[in-house]
Protein backbone atom coordinates (compact mmCIF):
# COMPACT_ATOMS: atom_id res chain seq x y z
CA UNK A 1 -17.58 1.04 -12.45
CA UNK A 2 -19.20 4.14 -10.96
CA UNK A 3 -21.41 1.95 -8.77
CA UNK A 4 -18.36 -0.02 -7.57
CA UNK A 5 -16.52 3.16 -6.63
CA UNK A 6 -19.62 4.42 -4.86
CA UNK A 7 -19.88 1.18 -2.87
CA UNK A 8 -16.18 1.33 -1.96
CA UNK A 9 -16.58 4.92 -0.83
CA UNK A 10 -19.59 3.98 1.27
CA UNK A 11 -17.65 1.10 2.86
CA UNK A 12 -14.79 3.42 3.78
CA UNK A 13 -17.19 5.90 5.33
CA UNK A 14 -18.80 3.06 7.28
CA UNK A 15 -15.41 1.93 8.64
CA UNK A 16 -14.51 5.48 9.65
CA UNK A 17 -17.81 5.89 11.49
CA UNK A 18 -17.34 2.48 13.14
CA UNK A 19 -13.89 3.53 14.37
CA UNK A 20 -15.25 6.82 15.67
CA UNK A 21 -17.92 4.92 17.61
CA UNK A 22 -15.58 2.17 18.86
CA UNK A 23 -13.03 4.62 20.30
CA UNK A 24 -15.58 6.25 22.67
CA UNK A 25 -16.80 2.75 23.59
CA UNK A 26 -13.32 1.72 24.70
CA UNK A 27 -12.77 5.04 26.45
CA UNK A 28 -15.97 4.63 28.45
CA UNK A 29 -14.97 1.05 29.33
CA UNK A 30 -11.54 2.23 30.48
CA UNK A 31 -12.99 5.02 32.63
CA UNK A 32 -15.46 2.64 34.28
CA UNK A 33 -12.72 0.08 34.90
CA UNK A 34 -10.52 2.74 36.49
CA UNK A 35 -13.43 3.76 38.74
CA UNK A 36 -14.08 0.15 39.78
CA UNK A 37 -10.35 -0.46 40.30
CA UNK A 38 -10.08 2.51 42.65
CA UNK A 39 -13.05 1.18 44.61
CA UNK A 40 -12.09 -2.49 44.92
CA UNK A 41 -8.42 -3.02 44.07
CA UNK A 42 -6.64 -0.45 46.23
CA UNK A 43 -6.53 -2.84 49.18
CA UNK A 44 -3.40 -5.01 49.32
CA UNK A 45 -5.17 -7.98 50.86
CA UNK A 46 -7.12 -8.82 47.72
CA UNK A 47 -7.13 -11.82 45.41
CA UNK A 48 -8.46 -11.25 41.92
CA UNK A 49 -9.51 -13.87 39.39
CA UNK A 50 -9.05 -12.27 35.97
CA UNK A 51 -10.85 -13.99 33.10
CA UNK A 52 -9.73 -12.29 29.89
CA UNK A 53 -11.89 -14.66 27.83
CA UNK A 54 -15.05 -13.36 29.44
CA UNK A 55 -13.90 -9.82 28.78
CA UNK A 56 -13.54 -10.61 25.08
CA UNK A 57 -17.01 -12.18 25.05
CA UNK A 58 -18.65 -9.10 26.55
CA UNK A 59 -16.54 -6.80 24.38
CA UNK A 60 -17.65 -8.75 21.31
CA UNK A 61 -21.29 -8.32 22.32
CA UNK A 62 -20.72 -4.61 22.71
CA UNK A 63 -19.09 -4.35 19.31
CA UNK A 64 -21.93 -6.33 17.74
CA UNK A 65 -24.43 -3.91 19.27
CA UNK A 66 -22.46 -0.95 17.96
CA UNK A 67 -22.37 -2.49 14.49
CA UNK A 68 -26.13 -3.05 14.70
CA UNK A 69 -26.60 0.60 15.58
CA UNK A 70 -24.46 1.64 12.62
CA UNK A 71 -26.46 -0.57 10.26
CA UNK A 72 -29.68 1.10 11.38
CA UNK A 73 -28.11 4.53 10.88
CA UNK A 74 -26.82 3.44 7.49
CA UNK A 75 -30.27 2.37 6.37
CA UNK A 76 -31.78 5.56 7.72
CA UNK A 77 -29.20 7.70 5.96
CA UNK A 78 -29.82 5.83 2.71
CA UNK A 79 -33.52 6.54 3.04
CA UNK A 80 -32.88 10.24 3.50
CA UNK A 81 -31.91 10.54 -0.15
CA UNK A 82 -34.99 8.59 -1.14
CA UNK A 83 -37.09 10.82 1.08
CA UNK A 84 -35.71 13.92 -0.56
CA UNK A 85 -36.76 12.58 -3.92
CA UNK A 86 -40.25 11.45 -2.91
CA UNK A 87 -41.45 13.79 -0.19
CA UNK A 88 -40.74 17.29 0.98
CA UNK A 89 -41.01 16.30 4.63
CA UNK A 90 -39.83 12.70 4.31
CA UNK A 91 -36.17 13.50 4.88
CA UNK A 92 -36.98 15.70 7.89
CA UNK A 93 -38.90 12.86 9.50
CA UNK A 94 -36.10 10.39 8.85
CA UNK A 95 -33.44 12.75 10.23
CA UNK A 96 -35.55 13.32 13.35
CA UNK A 97 -35.96 9.58 13.85
CA UNK A 98 -32.21 9.01 13.43
CA UNK A 99 -31.41 11.69 16.02
CA UNK A 100 -33.92 10.20 18.46
CA UNK A 101 -32.51 6.73 17.86
CA UNK A 102 -28.95 7.90 18.61
CA UNK A 103 -30.10 9.62 21.80
CA UNK A 104 -31.99 6.51 22.92
CA UNK A 105 -28.95 4.34 22.26
CA UNK A 106 -26.57 6.45 24.35
CA UNK A 107 -27.55 4.81 27.65
CA UNK A 108 -27.33 1.19 26.39
CA UNK A 109 -24.05 2.13 24.70
CA UNK A 110 -22.64 3.37 28.02
CA UNK A 111 -23.93 0.32 29.94
CA UNK A 112 -22.40 -2.11 27.44
CA UNK A 113 -19.06 -0.38 27.88
CA UNK A 114 -19.50 -0.66 31.67
CA UNK A 115 -20.26 -4.37 31.31
CA UNK A 116 -17.03 -4.92 29.37
CA UNK A 117 -15.08 -3.12 32.10
CA UNK A 118 -16.70 -5.16 34.87
CA UNK A 119 -16.01 -8.40 33.01
CA UNK A 120 -12.34 -7.42 32.84
CA UNK A 121 -12.37 -6.57 36.54
CA UNK A 122 -13.26 -10.20 37.21
CA UNK A 123 -14.01 -11.76 40.60
CA UNK A 124 -12.45 -10.18 43.70
CA UNK A 125 -11.98 -11.71 47.12
CA UNK A 126 -11.48 -8.81 49.51
CA UNK A 127 -10.13 -10.41 52.67
CA UNK A 128 -9.85 -7.35 54.90
CA UNK A 129 -13.62 -7.00 54.62
CA UNK A 130 -14.34 -10.72 54.09
CA UNK A 131 -16.23 -9.87 50.92
CA UNK A 132 -16.79 -11.60 47.60
CA UNK A 133 -17.25 -9.18 44.69
CA UNK A 134 -18.30 -10.30 41.21
CA UNK A 135 -20.19 -9.04 38.12
CA UNK A 136 -23.92 -8.86 38.79
CA UNK A 137 -25.92 -11.96 37.91
CA UNK A 138 -28.64 -10.65 35.60
CA UNK A 139 -30.48 -14.00 35.57
CA UNK A 140 -32.37 -12.88 38.68
CA UNK A 141 -34.33 -10.31 36.71
CA UNK A 142 -37.95 -11.18 36.00
CA UNK A 143 -39.66 -11.13 32.62
CA UNK A 144 -41.25 -7.83 33.61
CA UNK A 145 -37.83 -6.36 34.35
CA UNK A 146 -36.62 -7.45 30.92
CA UNK A 147 -39.66 -6.00 29.16
CA UNK A 148 -39.19 -2.73 31.04
CA UNK A 149 -35.45 -2.81 30.22
CA UNK A 150 -34.53 -2.67 33.91
CA UNK A 151 -31.79 -5.22 33.25
CA UNK A 152 -29.84 -2.45 31.51
CA UNK A 153 -29.32 -0.82 34.89
CA UNK A 154 -27.58 -3.97 36.11
CA UNK A 155 -25.05 -4.04 33.28
CA UNK A 156 -21.63 -3.01 34.49
CA UNK A 157 -22.49 -3.36 38.19
CA UNK A 158 -21.13 -5.77 40.79
CA UNK A 159 -22.64 -7.71 43.65
CA UNK A 160 -21.03 -7.97 47.07
CA UNK A 161 -21.61 -10.62 49.72
CA UNK A 162 -19.88 -11.26 53.00
CA UNK A 163 -18.21 -14.64 53.26
CA UNK A 164 -20.48 -15.36 56.23
CA UNK A 165 -23.55 -14.91 54.00
CA UNK A 166 -22.50 -17.77 51.72
CA UNK A 167 -23.30 -21.22 53.07
CA UNK A 168 -23.03 -23.55 50.05
CA UNK A 169 -22.18 -23.80 46.39
CA UNK A 170 -23.19 -25.86 43.37
CA UNK A 171 -20.72 -26.63 40.61
CA UNK A 172 -22.41 -27.78 37.44
CA UNK A 173 -21.12 -29.00 34.11
CA UNK A 174 -19.91 -26.10 32.09
CA UNK A 175 -18.14 -22.92 33.05
CA UNK A 176 -20.03 -21.61 36.04
CA UNK A 177 -20.90 -22.32 39.63
CA UNK A 178 -23.54 -21.00 42.00
CA UNK A 179 -23.17 -19.63 45.51
CA UNK A 180 -26.15 -19.92 47.85
CA UNK A 181 -27.19 -18.13 51.00
CA UNK A 182 -29.96 -16.04 52.55
CA UNK A 183 -29.70 -13.80 49.48
CA UNK A 184 -30.78 -16.69 47.23
CA UNK A 185 -28.49 -18.00 44.49
CA UNK A 186 -26.02 -16.21 42.29
CA UNK A 187 -24.14 -17.54 39.27
CA UNK A 188 -20.47 -16.80 38.71
CA UNK A 189 -19.76 -17.36 35.03
CA UNK A 190 -16.37 -17.88 33.36
CA UNK A 191 -15.01 -18.47 29.88
CA UNK A 192 -13.40 -21.80 30.77
CA UNK A 193 -13.35 -24.44 33.50
CA UNK A 194 -9.84 -23.54 34.61
CA UNK A 195 -10.89 -20.05 35.63
CA UNK A 196 -14.06 -21.40 37.23
CA UNK A 197 -12.08 -23.84 39.36
CA UNK A 198 -9.46 -21.21 40.19
CA UNK A 199 -12.15 -18.97 41.62
CA UNK A 200 -13.89 -21.81 43.42
CA UNK A 201 -10.63 -22.98 45.01
CA UNK A 202 -9.90 -19.45 46.22
CA UNK A 203 -13.37 -19.24 47.73
CA UNK A 204 -13.07 -22.65 49.38
CA UNK A 205 -9.89 -21.51 51.11
CA UNK A 206 -11.88 -18.79 52.81
CA UNK A 207 -15.24 -20.44 53.43
CA UNK A 208 -16.05 -23.78 54.99
CA UNK A 209 -19.04 -24.69 52.84
CA UNK A 210 -21.92 -26.72 54.19
CA UNK A 211 -24.16 -28.90 52.03
CA UNK A 212 -22.19 -28.39 48.85
CA UNK A 213 -23.22 -30.00 45.59
CA UNK A 214 -20.94 -30.95 42.72
CA UNK A 215 -23.00 -31.90 39.69
CA UNK A 216 -20.33 -31.81 37.02
CA UNK A 217 -16.73 -31.24 36.12
């Protein structure tokens, strides 16, 4: 019975900590969205393709990462008691490692919140400046960039291309399409085909594509 009560108490503490972590996550996402909105959505001559499903996907990834961080902290905290019982300096080492871990996770935590905000921002067609704005395509990062964690810098950012820079597109099976130009290729990803085609139709109204390829539905 005592063990059951202890487990229930630990679960409650875990949920409280999770809530305390999730609230700052959502606050950071809101602040980044407000910043991006002031930059790209103040112009009246703007069409925006909002894909709430993609927002939920990114938000879910962020929450999963937060939960993973909490699990690591939970394990570390559990080992503190063991360290106190087995070594005079064991608990000090564990506490130091936990603090370092939290500090190291602050930047990824912020970037994941930024990514959720950018996903909610969606794709923007800014006609006064003839510009397509969309969440950065991280597939262009090399293996070296991934190993060096440079891809984290791209989370929560957008890419901007003039309509005149885009000369073709490729629509494949699934929920994305590619735009091509002198900049190379970029993928615009969506949560469903309806949103993909909505964005593509809006883009086709503004750009007369040359050499387009349609490889799917």
